[in-house]
Amino acid sequence: MFVERLPAGSKEPRFIVVEGPIGVGKTSLTRRLAASLSGQAVLEEVTDNPFLERFYKTGGSGALPAQLYFLFQRAKQLEDLRQSDLFSPVRVANFHISKDRLFAEVSLDREELALYEQMHAKMDIDPPVPDLVIYLQASVDVLLQRIARRGIPHERFIERHYLEKITEAYARFYHHYSEAPLLIVNASSIDPVNNDADYAQLFEQVCRTTSGRHFFNPTAAVALA
């Protein structure tokens, strides 16, 4: 059994964001990292969104209300985070506020996106900057397998084409991302939630990544920049 502890010489991050497309495992990893760091998991409540199933079933008719619901929810969670004591527990979140616009650009038509942008601008969201962003990558085939395996009812309507567009949008976004240290994880070939050896390697790299851009796979963590 892996004993979770900070590697010697590493600095404990205060605010970590775990991101990636649907089904990649970000929520499970968020919970395990929060437990390892004796911190708080900040989780978006996807199942609370009453418009999500309609969006997955019908596409356009549910896209805007589903997107606005998530925007309001995520903004409130981040505002609560800003107002709390950031110097007390470590926080690990399974969402990055920038993903909201990423999904909006994929899901909304031109008129809906214009309305969304107006709402977003009026909210004047000022999120805390993460100490580390962990971006989980996986192939669409792997995502579909994991989505089917976990058996969440509304996710059975997710189409391959939609997942392809989301994964491509994530790849474009994080290719240019420089706001915080970034750890890109090949999540197709590891199971850091159920495999202690995978998690031990990943946890050590998480604690050592304090700057730059890095790539992690099951056997090595290679600095890219």
Protein backbone atom coordinates (compact mmCIF):
# COMPACT_ATOMS: atom_id res chain seq x y z
CA MET A 1 0.00 0.00 0.00
CA PHE A 2 1.40 3.39 -1.00
CA VAL A 3 2.08 5.69 1.98
CA GLU A 4 1.25 9.20 0.85
CA ARG A 5 3.79 11.83 1.91
CA LEU A 6 5.57 14.79 0.40
CA PRO A 7 8.89 13.87 -1.24
CA ALA A 8 11.99 15.23 0.49
CA GLY A 9 12.78 18.77 -0.63
CA SER A 10 9.41 19.40 -2.23
CA LYS A 11 7.13 22.33 -1.48
CA GLU A 12 3.47 21.72 -0.74
CA PRO A 13 1.22 23.51 -3.27
CA ARG A 14 -1.73 25.45 -1.86
CA PHE A 15 -4.16 25.39 -4.79
CA ILE A 16 -4.13 22.66 -7.44
CA VAL A 17 -6.47 22.36 -10.43
CA VAL A 18 -7.04 18.99 -12.13
CA GLU A 19 -8.49 19.29 -15.63
CA GLY A 20 -9.25 17.23 -18.70
CA PRO A 21 -12.12 16.02 -20.89
CA ILE A 22 -15.17 14.07 -19.73
CA GLY A 23 -14.29 10.61 -18.42
CA VAL A 24 -10.55 11.18 -18.03
CA GLY A 25 -10.61 10.67 -14.24
CA LYS A 26 -10.14 14.19 -12.90
CA THR A 27 -12.66 13.94 -10.05
CA SER A 28 -11.23 10.68 -8.69
CA LEU A 29 -7.68 12.06 -8.88
CA THR A 30 -8.81 15.32 -7.24
CA ARG A 31 -10.20 13.40 -4.28
CA ARG A 32 -7.06 11.29 -3.87
CA LEU A 33 -4.70 14.28 -4.10
CA ALA A 34 -6.78 16.21 -1.57
CA ALA A 35 -6.58 13.27 0.83
CA SER A 36 -2.81 12.93 0.30
CA LEU A 37 -2.25 16.61 1.04
CA SER A 38 -4.73 16.71 3.95
CA GLY A 39 -6.63 19.26 1.93
CA GLN A 40 -10.10 20.08 0.66
CA ALA A 41 -11.51 18.76 -2.61
CA VAL A 42 -13.42 21.48 -4.48
CA LEU A 43 -15.76 19.61 -6.83
CA GLU A 44 -18.20 20.92 -9.39
CA GLU A 45 -21.63 19.34 -8.94
CA VAL A 46 -22.23 18.06 -12.46
CA THR A 47 -25.22 15.93 -11.48
CA ASP A 48 -27.01 19.01 -10.10
CA ASN A 49 -27.24 20.61 -13.54
CA PRO A 50 -30.89 20.06 -14.59
CA PHE A 51 -30.13 20.92 -18.24
CA LEU A 52 -27.24 18.55 -18.84
CA GLU A 53 -29.17 15.43 -19.84
CA ARG A 54 -31.27 17.45 -22.29
CA PHE A 55 -28.07 18.83 -23.82
CA TYR A 56 -26.51 15.38 -24.23
CA LYS A 57 -29.75 14.05 -25.73
CA THR A 58 -30.65 16.88 -28.08
CA GLY A 59 -27.56 19.06 -28.43
CA GLY A 60 -28.53 22.62 -29.26
CA SER A 61 -31.75 23.02 -27.30
CA GLY A 62 -30.06 22.41 -23.95
CA ALA A 63 -26.64 23.89 -24.63
CA LEU A 64 -27.11 27.47 -23.44
CA PRO A 65 -28.95 26.81 -20.16
CA ALA A 66 -26.53 23.98 -19.32
CA GLN A 67 -23.56 26.24 -20.00
CA LEU A 68 -24.93 29.16 -17.99
CA TYR A 69 -25.75 26.88 -15.07
CA PHE A 70 -22.16 25.68 -14.98
CA LEU A 71 -20.83 29.24 -15.31
CA PHE A 72 -22.84 30.48 -12.33
CA GLN A 73 -21.96 27.41 -10.25
CA ARG A 74 -18.22 27.56 -10.96
CA ALA A 75 -18.06 31.33 -10.41
CA LYS A 76 -19.73 30.98 -7.01
CA GLN A 77 -17.38 28.17 -5.96
CA LEU A 78 -14.33 30.22 -6.92
CA GLU A 79 -15.66 33.33 -5.19
CA ASP A 80 -16.19 31.29 -2.03
CA LEU A 81 -12.63 30.03 -2.42
CA ARG A 82 -11.24 33.56 -2.73
CA GLN A 83 -13.09 34.69 0.37
CA SER A 84 -11.87 31.75 2.44
CA ASP A 85 -8.46 31.51 4.06
CA LEU A 86 -6.14 30.33 1.30
CA PHE A 87 -3.40 29.82 3.88
CA SER A 88 -5.31 27.13 5.76
CA PRO A 89 -6.01 23.83 4.00
CA VAL A 90 -4.70 22.90 0.59
CA ARG A 91 -7.42 23.06 -2.06
CA VAL A 92 -7.63 20.68 -5.03
CA ALA A 93 -10.30 21.53 -7.62
CA ASN A 94 -11.57 19.35 -10.46
CA PHE A 95 -12.28 22.34 -12.70
CA HIS A 96 -10.51 25.38 -14.10
CA ILE A 97 -12.75 28.37 -14.78
CA SER A 98 -11.20 28.75 -18.25
CA LYS A 99 -12.79 25.41 -19.21
CA ASP A 100 -16.17 27.12 -19.09
CA ARG A 101 -15.45 29.23 -22.15
CA LEU A 102 -13.76 26.24 -23.79
CA PHE A 103 -16.99 24.22 -23.55
CA ALA A 104 -19.09 27.22 -24.57
CA GLU A 105 -17.13 27.68 -27.79
CA VAL A 106 -17.65 24.02 -28.68
CA SER A 107 -21.31 23.74 -27.66
CA LEU A 108 -23.00 27.07 -28.48
CA ASP A 109 -24.00 28.59 -31.80
CA ARG A 110 -22.87 32.12 -32.70
CA GLU A 111 -25.82 33.98 -31.16
CA GLU A 112 -25.76 31.87 -27.98
CA LEU A 113 -22.02 32.37 -27.61
CA ALA A 114 -22.45 36.14 -27.91
CA LEU A 115 -25.05 36.07 -25.11
CA TYR A 116 -22.83 33.83 -23.00
CA GLU A 117 -19.90 36.24 -23.47
CA GLN A 118 -22.06 39.15 -22.32
CA MET A 119 -23.08 37.27 -19.18
CA HIS A 120 -19.50 36.20 -18.50
CA ALA A 121 -18.20 39.77 -18.83
CA LYS A 122 -20.83 41.19 -16.47
CA MET A 123 -19.93 38.66 -13.78
CA ASP A 124 -16.33 40.00 -13.63
CA ILE A 125 -14.92 36.70 -12.38
CA ASP A 126 -11.52 37.01 -10.70
CA PRO A 127 -10.43 33.45 -9.87
CA PRO A 128 -7.36 32.61 -7.76
CA VAL A 129 -4.34 31.57 -9.82
CA PRO A 130 -3.45 27.91 -9.24
CA ASP A 131 -0.06 26.86 -7.90
CA LEU A 132 -0.31 23.95 -10.35
CA VAL A 133 -2.61 22.81 -13.15
CA ILE A 134 -2.69 19.07 -13.90
CA TYR A 135 -4.03 18.43 -17.40
CA LEU A 136 -5.10 14.82 -17.93
CA GLN A 137 -5.01 13.65 -21.56
CA ALA A 138 -6.54 10.47 -22.99
CA SER A 139 -7.66 9.19 -26.36
CA VAL A 140 -11.33 9.37 -27.29
CA ASP A 141 -11.50 5.55 -27.30
CA VAL A 142 -10.26 5.46 -23.70
CA LEU A 143 -12.68 8.20 -22.67
CA LEU A 144 -15.64 6.33 -24.17
CA GLN A 145 -14.61 3.13 -22.40
CA ARG A 146 -14.35 4.88 -19.05
CA ILE A 147 -17.63 6.72 -19.52
CA ALA A 148 -19.38 3.43 -20.29
CA ARG A 149 -17.73 1.69 -17.34
CA ARG A 150 -18.76 4.25 -14.74
CA GLY A 151 -22.37 4.11 -15.92
CA ILE A 152 -23.63 7.63 -15.15
CA PRO A 153 -27.14 7.67 -16.72
CA HIS A 154 -27.05 11.00 -18.58
CA GLU A 155 -23.57 10.29 -19.98
CA ARG A 156 -24.88 7.43 -22.13
CA PHE A 157 -26.04 10.11 -24.59
CA ILE A 158 -22.54 11.57 -25.12
CA GLU A 159 -21.51 11.16 -28.76
CA ARG A 160 -18.03 10.41 -30.04
CA HIS A 161 -17.99 13.51 -32.25
CA TYR A 162 -18.68 15.74 -29.26
CA LEU A 163 -15.84 14.14 -27.28
CA GLU A 164 -13.50 14.60 -30.23
CA LYS A 165 -14.28 18.32 -30.36
CA ILE A 166 -13.81 18.67 -26.58
CA THR A 167 -10.45 16.86 -26.53
CA GLU A 168 -9.23 18.97 -29.45
CA ALA A 169 -10.30 22.16 -27.65
CA TYR A 170 -8.46 21.11 -24.50
CA ALA A 171 -5.31 20.33 -26.50
CA ARG A 172 -5.39 23.77 -28.18
CA PHE A 173 -6.00 25.58 -24.91
CA TYR A 174 -3.22 23.92 -22.93
CA HIS A 175 -0.77 24.13 -25.82
CA HIS A 176 -0.71 27.89 -25.19
CA TYR A 177 -1.38 27.89 -21.43
CA SER A 178 1.21 29.79 -19.34
CA GLU A 179 -0.73 31.23 -16.40
CA ALA A 180 0.55 28.64 -13.90
CA PRO A 181 2.89 25.64 -13.74
CA LEU A 182 1.45 22.90 -15.95
CA LEU A 183 1.77 19.12 -15.62
CA ILE A 184 0.46 17.26 -18.69
CA VAL A 185 -0.40 13.65 -17.82
CA ASN A 186 -0.83 10.79 -20.27
CA ALA A 187 -3.88 9.34 -18.53
CA SER A 188 -4.56 6.75 -21.23
CA SER A 189 -1.93 4.39 -19.89
CA ILE A 190 -2.05 4.91 -16.11
CA ASP A 191 -4.56 4.43 -13.32
CA PRO A 192 -3.46 6.76 -10.52
CA VAL A 193 -6.65 6.17 -8.55
CA ASN A 194 -6.54 2.38 -8.26
CA ASN A 195 -2.87 1.64 -8.98
CA ASP A 196 -0.61 2.71 -6.11
CA ALA A 197 2.58 2.51 -8.16
CA ASP A 198 1.16 4.87 -10.80
CA TYR A 199 -0.11 7.21 -8.13
CA ALA A 200 3.21 7.24 -6.23
CA GLN A 201 5.07 8.40 -9.34
CA LEU A 202 2.43 11.00 -10.20
CA PHE A 203 2.18 12.31 -6.64
CA GLU A 204 5.95 12.82 -6.46
CA GLN A 205 5.91 14.72 -9.75
CA VAL A 206 2.96 16.85 -8.60
CA CYS A 207 4.86 17.89 -5.48
CA ARG A 208 8.03 18.67 -7.44
CA THR A 209 6.38 20.70 -10.22
CA THR A 210 6.64 24.32 -9.10
CA SER A 211 7.35 26.00 -12.43
CA GLY A 212 7.37 25.43 -16.16
CA ARG A 213 5.62 22.83 -18.29
CA HIS A 214 6.15 19.11 -17.78
CA PHE A 215 4.89 15.84 -19.24
CA PHE A 216 4.24 12.75 -17.11
CA ASN A 217 3.90 9.12 -18.18
CA PRO A 218 4.07 5.89 -16.10
CA THR A 219 7.85 5.62 -16.19
CA ALA A 220 9.22 9.14 -16.45
CA ALA A 221 8.42 12.81 -16.04
CA VAL A 222 10.17 14.84 -18.73
CA ALA A 223 10.46 18.62 -18.63
CA LEU A 224 9.25 20.21 -21.85
CA ALA A 225 10.16 23.79 -21.05
